[in-house]
Protein backbone atom coordinates (compact mmCIF):
# COMPACT_ATOMS: atom_id res chain seq x y z
CA MET A 1 0.11 -0.43 -0.22
CA ARG A 2 0.94 3.81 -0.40
CA LYS A 3 2.71 5.27 2.27
CA ARG A 4 0.81 8.39 3.79
CA LEU A 5 2.45 11.69 2.86
CA ARG A 6 2.78 14.48 4.67
CA ILE A 7 0.29 17.47 3.29
CA VAL A 8 -0.73 20.60 4.19
CA HIS A 9 -4.01 21.19 6.07
CA TRP A 10 -6.07 22.53 3.03
CA THR A 11 -5.19 19.36 1.02
CA THR A 12 -6.38 17.12 3.90
CA VAL A 13 -9.60 18.85 4.14
CA LEU A 14 -10.20 18.49 0.33
CA ILE A 15 -9.30 14.61 0.45
CA ALA A 16 -11.61 14.22 3.15
CA VAL A 17 -14.72 16.17 1.25
CA VAL A 18 -13.79 13.58 -1.78
CA PHE A 19 -14.04 10.53 0.25
CA VAL A 20 -17.34 11.54 2.29
CA PHE A 21 -18.78 12.31 -1.38
CA ALA A 22 -17.70 8.66 -2.35
CA LEU A 23 -19.05 7.01 0.41
CA GLY A 24 -22.28 9.11 -0.14
CA TRP A 25 -22.61 7.89 -3.59
CA TYR A 26 -21.91 4.00 -2.63
CA GLY A 27 -24.48 4.23 0.07
CA ILE A 28 -21.67 4.49 2.88
CA PRO A 29 -21.58 6.53 5.63
CA ALA A 30 -18.48 8.23 6.40
CA ARG A 31 -16.80 6.33 9.07
CA GLY A 32 -13.07 6.04 9.65
CA GLN A 33 -10.24 7.01 8.02
CA MET A 34 -10.11 6.09 3.99
CA ALA A 35 -6.03 5.27 3.96
CA GLY A 36 -7.14 2.49 1.65
CA VAL A 37 -8.49 -1.11 2.08
CA THR A 38 -6.37 -4.37 3.07
CA LEU A 39 -8.22 -7.76 1.96
CA TYR A 40 -7.84 -10.88 3.43
CA ILE A 41 -8.96 -13.63 0.40
CA SER A 42 -9.28 -17.58 0.54
CA GLY A 43 -9.66 -20.00 -2.26
CA ASP A 44 -7.95 -21.27 -5.71
CA THR A 45 -5.16 -19.31 -7.84
CA ASN A 46 -8.29 -18.93 -9.87
CA ILE A 47 -9.80 -16.73 -7.27
CA GLN A 48 -6.34 -14.78 -6.56
CA GLU A 49 -5.73 -14.38 -10.38
CA MET A 50 -9.44 -12.58 -10.15
CA PHE A 51 -8.49 -10.05 -7.54
CA ASP A 52 -5.24 -9.21 -8.31
CA LYS A 53 -5.54 -8.74 -12.16
CA ASP A 54 -9.42 -7.88 -12.74
CA LEU A 55 -11.36 -6.63 -9.61
CA LEU A 56 -8.85 -5.03 -7.63
CA PRO A 57 -7.33 -2.66 -10.13
CA LEU A 58 -10.88 -1.89 -11.29
CA PHE A 59 -11.79 -0.70 -7.72
CA GLU A 60 -8.89 1.45 -7.81
CA ARG A 61 -9.42 3.07 -10.78
CA GLU A 62 -13.03 3.51 -9.91
CA THR A 63 -12.85 4.87 -6.43
CA SER A 64 -9.00 5.83 -6.06
CA VAL A 65 -9.14 3.71 -3.16
CA LYS A 66 -5.49 1.86 -3.04
CA THR A 67 -5.75 -2.17 -1.86
CA LYS A 68 -3.83 -4.51 -0.19
CA MET A 69 -4.67 -8.48 -0.68
CA VAL A 70 -3.14 -11.07 1.75
CA PHE A 71 -4.05 -14.44 -0.18
CA LEU A 72 -4.68 -17.61 1.89
CA GLU A 73 -4.55 -20.36 -1.05
CA HIS A 74 -6.97 -23.24 -0.27
CA GLY A 75 -8.16 -21.13 2.67
CA GLN A 76 -5.04 -22.38 4.70
CA GLY A 77 -5.05 -20.48 7.86
CA ALA A 78 -8.45 -19.62 7.76
CA GLU A 79 -9.09 -20.58 11.09
CA ALA A 80 -6.15 -18.74 12.41
CA ILE A 81 -7.33 -15.58 10.93
CA VAL A 82 -10.46 -15.73 12.98
CA ALA A 83 -8.62 -16.24 15.77
CA LYS A 84 -6.34 -13.29 15.09
CA ILE A 85 -9.45 -11.04 14.74
CA ILE A 86 -11.10 -12.34 18.12
CA ALA A 87 -7.63 -11.80 19.51
CA ALA A 88 -7.38 -8.05 18.57
CA LYS A 89 -11.16 -7.58 19.60
CA ARG A 90 -10.80 -8.83 23.30
CA THR A 91 -7.61 -6.64 23.81
CA GLY A 92 -9.41 -3.53 22.48
CA GLN A 93 -6.81 -3.22 19.50
CA GLN A 94 -7.55 -2.52 15.88
CA THR A 95 -7.45 -5.36 13.43
CA ASP A 96 -5.48 -4.80 10.05
CA VAL A 97 -8.09 -7.37 8.71
CA ASP A 98 -10.58 -4.76 6.78
CA LEU A 99 -12.56 -7.45 4.74
CA TYR A 100 -12.10 -11.08 5.00
CA GLU A 101 -13.56 -13.85 2.09
CA THR A 102 -13.97 -16.78 3.56
CA GLN A 103 -16.90 -19.70 3.95
CA PRO A 104 -19.72 -18.58 6.20
CA THR A 105 -18.82 -21.54 8.38
CA PHE A 106 -15.95 -19.39 9.71
CA ILE A 107 -17.48 -16.57 9.72
CA ALA A 108 -20.39 -18.22 11.77
CA ALA A 109 -17.21 -19.18 14.48
CA GLY A 110 -16.58 -15.74 15.12
CA ALA A 111 -20.20 -14.38 15.22
CA SER A 112 -20.58 -15.12 19.48
CA GLU A 113 -17.75 -13.17 19.98
CA GLY A 114 -19.37 -10.25 18.51
CA ILE A 115 -16.42 -9.67 15.95
CA TRP A 116 -18.62 -9.02 12.81
CA THR A 117 -19.78 -5.62 11.26
CA LYS A 118 -24.23 -6.61 10.76
CA ILE A 119 -24.42 -5.80 7.12
CA THR A 120 -27.51 -4.34 5.96
CA LYS A 121 -28.82 -2.27 3.16
CA ASP A 122 -28.29 1.17 5.88
CA ASN A 123 -24.33 0.38 5.70
CA VAL A 124 -24.27 -1.28 1.88
CA ALA A 125 -26.78 -0.25 -0.25
CA ASN A 126 -26.35 -3.07 -2.65
CA ALA A 127 -27.07 -5.66 0.04
CA SER A 128 -30.43 -5.06 -0.91
CA LYS A 129 -29.93 -7.14 -3.85
CA VAL A 130 -28.71 -9.79 -1.60
CA ASP A 131 -31.27 -12.68 -0.80
CA TYR A 132 -30.83 -13.12 2.93
CA ASN A 133 -32.28 -16.52 3.10
CA ARG A 134 -29.48 -17.88 1.03
CA PRO A 135 -28.52 -20.83 3.00
CA GLU A 136 -24.95 -19.44 3.82
CA VAL A 137 -26.20 -16.21 4.65
CA LEU A 138 -28.43 -18.19 7.28
CA VAL A 139 -25.17 -20.16 8.45
CA SER A 140 -23.29 -17.21 8.99
CA ASN A 141 -25.76 -16.01 10.95
CA GLY A 142 -26.27 -12.64 8.83
CA PHE A 143 -22.96 -11.53 8.85
CA GLY A 144 -21.69 -12.82 5.60
CA ILE A 145 -22.69 -11.41 2.54
CA PRO A 146 -21.95 -13.82 -0.42
CA TYR A 147 -20.26 -12.63 -3.41
CA ARG A 148 -19.91 -15.96 -5.34
CA GLY A 149 -21.17 -18.97 -5.62
CA SER A 150 -21.49 -22.32 -7.28
CA SER A 151 -24.13 -25.73 -7.17
CA VAL A 152 -23.87 -29.24 -8.39
CA VAL A 153 -26.44 -29.26 -11.64
CA LEU A 154 -27.20 -32.09 -13.80
CA ALA A 155 -25.25 -32.71 -16.66
CA TYR A 156 -26.68 -34.56 -19.59
CA ASN A 157 -25.85 -35.52 -23.57
CA SER A 158 -28.88 -34.38 -25.44
CA LYS A 159 -27.61 -36.05 -28.17
CA TYR A 160 -28.57 -39.33 -26.80
CA VAL A 161 -31.18 -37.60 -23.94
CA LYS A 162 -33.74 -36.00 -25.79
CA THR A 163 -35.91 -35.07 -22.40
CA PRO A 164 -33.86 -35.03 -19.44
CA PRO A 165 -35.07 -35.36 -15.79
CA ARG A 166 -36.11 -32.48 -14.55
CA THR A 167 -36.56 -33.86 -10.94
CA TYR A 168 -34.59 -35.95 -8.19
CA ASP A 169 -37.21 -39.04 -9.01
CA GLU A 170 -36.62 -38.70 -12.72
CA ILE A 171 -33.20 -39.10 -12.49
CA LEU A 172 -33.61 -42.40 -10.29
CA ALA A 173 -36.20 -43.26 -12.97
CA TRP A 174 -33.84 -42.53 -15.89
CA ILE A 175 -30.87 -44.41 -14.06
CA LYS A 176 -32.87 -47.89 -14.13
CA GLN A 177 -34.41 -46.96 -17.39
CA ASN A 178 -30.52 -46.76 -18.50
CA PRO A 179 -27.93 -49.21 -17.08
CA GLY A 180 -24.72 -47.97 -17.19
CA LYS A 181 -25.20 -44.64 -18.74
CA PHE A 182 -25.08 -42.52 -15.25
CA THR A 183 -22.97 -42.15 -12.53
CA TYR A 184 -21.91 -39.87 -9.34
CA CYS A 185 -18.23 -39.55 -8.25
CA ASP A 186 -17.26 -41.08 -4.79
CA PRO A 187 -18.68 -38.47 -2.37
CA GLN A 188 -15.41 -38.76 0.10
CA THR A 189 -13.60 -37.39 -2.89
CA CYS A 190 -15.54 -34.73 -4.82
CA GLY A 191 -18.60 -32.16 -3.98
CA SER A 192 -20.80 -33.32 -7.11
CA GLY A 193 -21.23 -36.88 -5.43
CA ALA A 194 -21.64 -35.67 -2.39
CA ALA A 195 -24.43 -33.35 -4.16
CA PHE A 196 -26.42 -36.56 -5.13
CA LEU A 197 -26.00 -38.38 -1.56
CA TYR A 198 -27.26 -35.54 0.53
CA VAL A 199 -30.70 -34.91 -2.03
CA ALA A 200 -31.45 -38.98 -1.62
CA LEU A 201 -30.96 -37.97 2.37
CA TYR A 202 -33.43 -34.98 1.91
CA LYS A 203 -35.97 -37.13 0.28
CA TYR A 204 -36.20 -38.91 3.60
CA ALA A 205 -35.49 -36.11 6.02
CA LYS A 206 -35.94 -32.33 6.44
CA ALA A 207 -32.85 -30.42 5.08
CA GLU A 208 -33.17 -27.91 7.77
CA ASP A 209 -32.91 -30.59 10.91
CA PHE A 210 -28.87 -31.05 9.33
CA SER A 211 -28.05 -27.31 8.00
CA GLY A 212 -27.88 -25.94 11.07
CA LEU A 213 -24.99 -25.28 13.90
CA THR A 214 -26.39 -28.21 16.15
CA TYR A 215 -25.74 -32.15 15.92
CA ASP A 216 -27.26 -35.12 17.11
CA GLN A 217 -26.30 -38.04 15.64
CA ALA A 218 -29.16 -39.97 16.64
CA LYS A 219 -30.70 -37.77 13.85
CA THR A 220 -28.70 -39.95 11.20
CA ALA A 221 -30.91 -43.12 11.60
CA ALA A 222 -34.01 -40.97 9.13
CA TRP A 223 -31.07 -41.62 6.64
CA GLU A 224 -31.32 -45.39 6.26
CA PRO A 225 -33.77 -45.50 3.64
CA ALA A 226 -31.82 -43.40 1.26
CA LEU A 227 -29.01 -45.25 1.90
CA GLN A 228 -30.88 -48.31 0.97
CA LEU A 229 -32.04 -46.11 -2.46
CA LEU A 230 -28.50 -45.40 -3.31
CA ARG A 231 -27.46 -48.99 -2.94
CA SER A 232 -30.09 -50.26 -4.93
CA LEU A 233 -28.54 -47.91 -7.90
CA LYS A 234 -25.27 -49.84 -7.71
CA PRO A 235 -26.03 -52.31 -10.45
CA ASN A 236 -27.24 -49.90 -12.84
CA ILE A 237 -24.40 -47.34 -12.31
CA TYR A 238 -21.77 -46.86 -14.83
CA ASN A 239 -19.07 -50.17 -15.08
CA ASN A 240 -21.58 -52.18 -12.43
CA GLY A 241 -21.02 -49.78 -9.68
CA PHE A 242 -18.13 -47.23 -10.23
CA TYR A 243 -18.11 -44.27 -8.78
CA PRO A 244 -14.95 -42.28 -9.67
CA ASN A 245 -12.71 -40.44 -7.70
CA GLY A 246 -13.20 -36.68 -8.01
CA ASN A 247 -14.99 -34.08 -10.23
CA VAL A 248 -12.80 -34.13 -12.95
CA ALA A 249 -13.07 -37.84 -13.88
CA VAL A 250 -16.71 -37.41 -14.10
CA LEU A 251 -16.29 -34.61 -16.51
CA GLN A 252 -13.84 -37.02 -18.71
CA LEU A 253 -16.51 -39.97 -18.98
CA LEU A 254 -19.09 -37.35 -20.16
CA GLY A 255 -16.45 -36.13 -22.61
CA ARG A 256 -15.60 -39.41 -23.62
CA GLU A 257 -19.23 -40.63 -23.97
CA ASN A 258 -18.61 -43.37 -21.74
CA ILE A 259 -22.09 -42.24 -19.61
CA TYR A 260 -24.50 -39.75 -20.89
CA MET A 261 -25.71 -38.16 -17.45
CA ALA A 262 -24.06 -37.02 -13.96
CA PRO A 263 -24.23 -34.60 -11.80
CA VAL A 264 -21.12 -31.68 -11.94
CA TRP A 265 -20.53 -28.72 -10.83
CA SER A 266 -21.98 -26.03 -12.46
CA ASP A 267 -19.02 -23.67 -13.00
CA GLN A 268 -16.79 -26.57 -13.94
CA GLY A 269 -19.39 -27.56 -16.24
CA VAL A 270 -19.58 -24.27 -17.84
CA SER A 271 -15.60 -23.72 -17.80
CA TYR A 272 -15.24 -27.25 -19.71
CA LEU A 273 -18.00 -26.16 -22.51
CA ASP A 274 -16.33 -22.79 -22.84
CA GLN A 275 -13.05 -24.43 -23.58
CA GLY A 276 -14.36 -27.06 -25.72
CA LEU A 277 -13.44 -29.97 -23.00
CA LEU A 278 -17.19 -31.33 -23.26
CA PRO A 279 -18.91 -31.82 -26.71
CA LYS A 280 -21.41 -29.21 -27.42
CA ASP A 281 -24.11 -31.75 -26.92
CA ILE A 282 -24.00 -31.46 -23.20
CA LYS A 283 -26.15 -29.44 -21.54
CA LEU A 284 -26.64 -28.19 -17.81
CA VAL A 285 -29.97 -28.14 -16.20
CA GLN A 286 -30.93 -27.76 -12.21
CA VAL A 287 -33.50 -30.00 -11.03
CA THR A 288 -36.37 -30.15 -8.36
CA PRO A 289 -35.26 -29.89 -5.42
CA PRO A 290 -31.92 -28.73 -6.67
CA PHE A 291 -28.90 -29.96 -5.79
CA THR A 292 -26.61 -28.95 -3.23
CA GLY A 293 -24.31 -25.73 -3.60
CA GLY A 294 -22.39 -23.22 -1.68
CA ASP A 295 -21.22 -19.83 -1.44
CA SER A 296 -18.45 -17.63 -0.52
CA ALA A 297 -18.89 -14.88 1.79
CA ILE A 298 -17.51 -11.76 3.11
CA ALA A 299 -17.03 -10.25 6.30
CA ILE A 300 -16.20 -7.11 8.08
CA PRO A 301 -14.45 -6.65 11.43
CA VAL A 302 -16.53 -4.31 13.72
CA HIS A 303 -13.08 -3.60 14.91
CA ALA A 304 -10.83 -3.15 11.30
CA GLU A 305 -8.84 -0.47 11.18
CA HIS A 306 -10.55 1.17 7.91
CA GLN A 307 -14.23 0.09 8.38
CA ALA A 308 -15.29 1.96 5.74
CA SER A 309 -13.14 1.30 3.18
CA GLY A 310 -14.42 -2.25 3.45
CA LEU A 311 -17.80 -1.78 3.37
CA MET A 312 -17.21 0.54 0.26
CA PHE A 313 -15.23 -1.91 -1.16
CA LEU A 314 -18.13 -4.84 -0.42
CA ASN A 315 -21.04 -2.30 -1.74
CA TRP A 316 -18.49 -1.93 -5.11
CA LEU A 317 -18.36 -5.79 -5.56
CA LEU A 318 -22.06 -6.10 -5.17
CA THR A 319 -22.86 -3.96 -8.09
CA SER A 320 -23.87 -5.58 -11.53
CA LYS A 321 -20.45 -4.86 -13.40
CA ALA A 322 -18.46 -6.29 -10.54
CA GLN A 323 -20.89 -9.25 -10.14
CA THR A 324 -20.44 -9.98 -14.18
CA ILE A 325 -16.40 -10.40 -13.58
CA VAL A 326 -17.02 -12.93 -10.73
CA VAL A 327 -19.71 -14.46 -12.53
CA ASN A 328 -17.49 -14.52 -16.36
CA LYS A 329 -14.13 -15.49 -14.74
CA LEU A 330 -15.36 -18.25 -12.08
CA ALA A 331 -18.36 -19.30 -14.61
CA GLY A 332 -19.92 -19.41 -11.04
CA TYR A 333 -23.11 -17.78 -9.49
CA PRO A 334 -23.14 -14.13 -8.48
CA GLY A 335 -23.90 -13.10 -4.66
CA ILE A 336 -26.38 -10.62 -5.82
CA ASP A 337 -30.13 -12.19 -7.15
CA TRP A 338 -29.73 -12.65 -10.81
CA LYS A 339 -32.78 -10.41 -11.57
CA TYR A 340 -30.18 -7.78 -10.98
CA MET A 341 -27.35 -9.16 -13.68
CA PRO A 342 -27.21 -8.25 -17.61
CA LYS A 343 -29.42 -10.14 -19.72
CA ASP A 344 -26.62 -11.89 -21.53
CA VAL A 345 -25.18 -13.36 -18.36
CA ARG A 346 -28.99 -14.20 -17.50
CA ASP A 347 -29.39 -15.89 -20.47
CA LYS A 348 -26.20 -17.79 -20.22
CA PHE A 349 -26.67 -19.36 -16.92
CA ALA A 350 -31.07 -19.99 -17.65
CA GLY A 351 -31.00 -23.33 -17.10
CA ILE A 352 -29.17 -23.44 -13.82
CA ALA A 353 -29.84 -19.95 -12.56
CA GLN A 354 -31.83 -21.06 -9.24
CA ASN A 355 -31.44 -21.65 -5.84
CA PHE A 356 -29.50 -24.44 -4.52
CA SER A 357 -30.30 -27.31 -1.48
CA PRO A 358 -28.40 -26.31 1.90
CA LEU A 359 -25.49 -28.50 2.79
CA PRO A 360 -25.49 -30.36 5.90
CA ASN A 361 -23.25 -28.87 8.37
CA ALA A 362 -19.45 -30.43 8.93
CA LYS A 363 -20.57 -32.98 11.24
CA TYR A 364 -23.23 -34.61 9.11
CA GLN A 365 -21.40 -34.38 6.27
CA ALA A 366 -18.45 -36.68 7.74
CA ASP A 367 -21.62 -38.97 8.75
CA ALA A 368 -22.79 -39.34 5.65
CA LYS A 369 -19.94 -40.05 3.63
CA ARG A 370 -19.11 -42.73 5.86
CA LEU A 371 -21.97 -44.54 5.64
CA TRP A 372 -22.23 -43.77 1.94
CA GLN A 373 -18.86 -45.75 2.08
CA GLU A 374 -20.12 -48.34 4.49
CA LYS A 375 -24.03 -49.14 3.21
CA VAL A 376 -23.66 -48.48 -0.59
CA ALA A 377 -20.19 -48.60 -2.15
CA GLY A 378 -18.98 -51.27 0.45
CA SER A 379 -21.91 -53.55 -0.03
CA GLY A 380 -22.54 -56.54 -2.71
CA GLN A 381 -24.72 -56.53 -5.19
């Protein structure tokens, strides 16, 4: 970040006026010193590249507010950052974390300590474009605002599947009618296979009983019919019950036309189609009830050194212009409602631009994957 320079008094006043105007433009009250903004960002290298090459330079050009990014590859150290923010608040110190992008569960972990700023349309005007009923907003107790997301969708080869299933039950029927032409990856190795498992569980148990923060292992007994159902499909799964390791392996089977249908991540599916790694006959649709998905959320500490700058950046990130960059770069979902996105973006994602089912919490996810291994993959025919 640029070092502060000593400037004469009238220049300081002028800069203050400019910043107050900028805050009003973005719907944010003038609070704190707008010296810059330090963002802690988690994710893969494509997330780092998007911020480095696209979002941050554009934000700086449009607002004249300098940025500094601390990148946590694959989210490593996420818990330590929350601990750092908590420690600073307990000792009455400010934190250099002006804005934190992470998984909503980490935001929820710090909520009881009172470390996060409550985001509303009063301090971030564009928050009015966000659906506060999205599962990940609820998981973070309303302190995390989604800015990108993706969900698992159904990929099918339209050359062979003229009328694709539009419900989960129709998928199950199609599998039995077309043995060997469907699979899903091992839920222990990929999210798309886990999504197929979770929606099966939700057929027999309420999603809200497992997606919150509470945990009761006894409730997993309700999953037994779902596990029996998945076990009954095994003879109809590709190669007599072959569950590939990882999302990419499933996409490769689709690309080689070994299978005609499978659950895949929306962003990976769109990206593979854009790169020509999947035949154009592959189409993506969301089904009812929808597969699971997830958001990455942003939170702002109440004791951030440059809280006003963080609020300003978040508001800018929720503009349709910035969200279009996010969607195009990541082939994912926007944080704001689809209706606020440009028509060409909505058209591109028309088949999958829907909400998704909530994920079970981490403990239930671990139980579900373990039971799937024991009672589905590990079972006989």
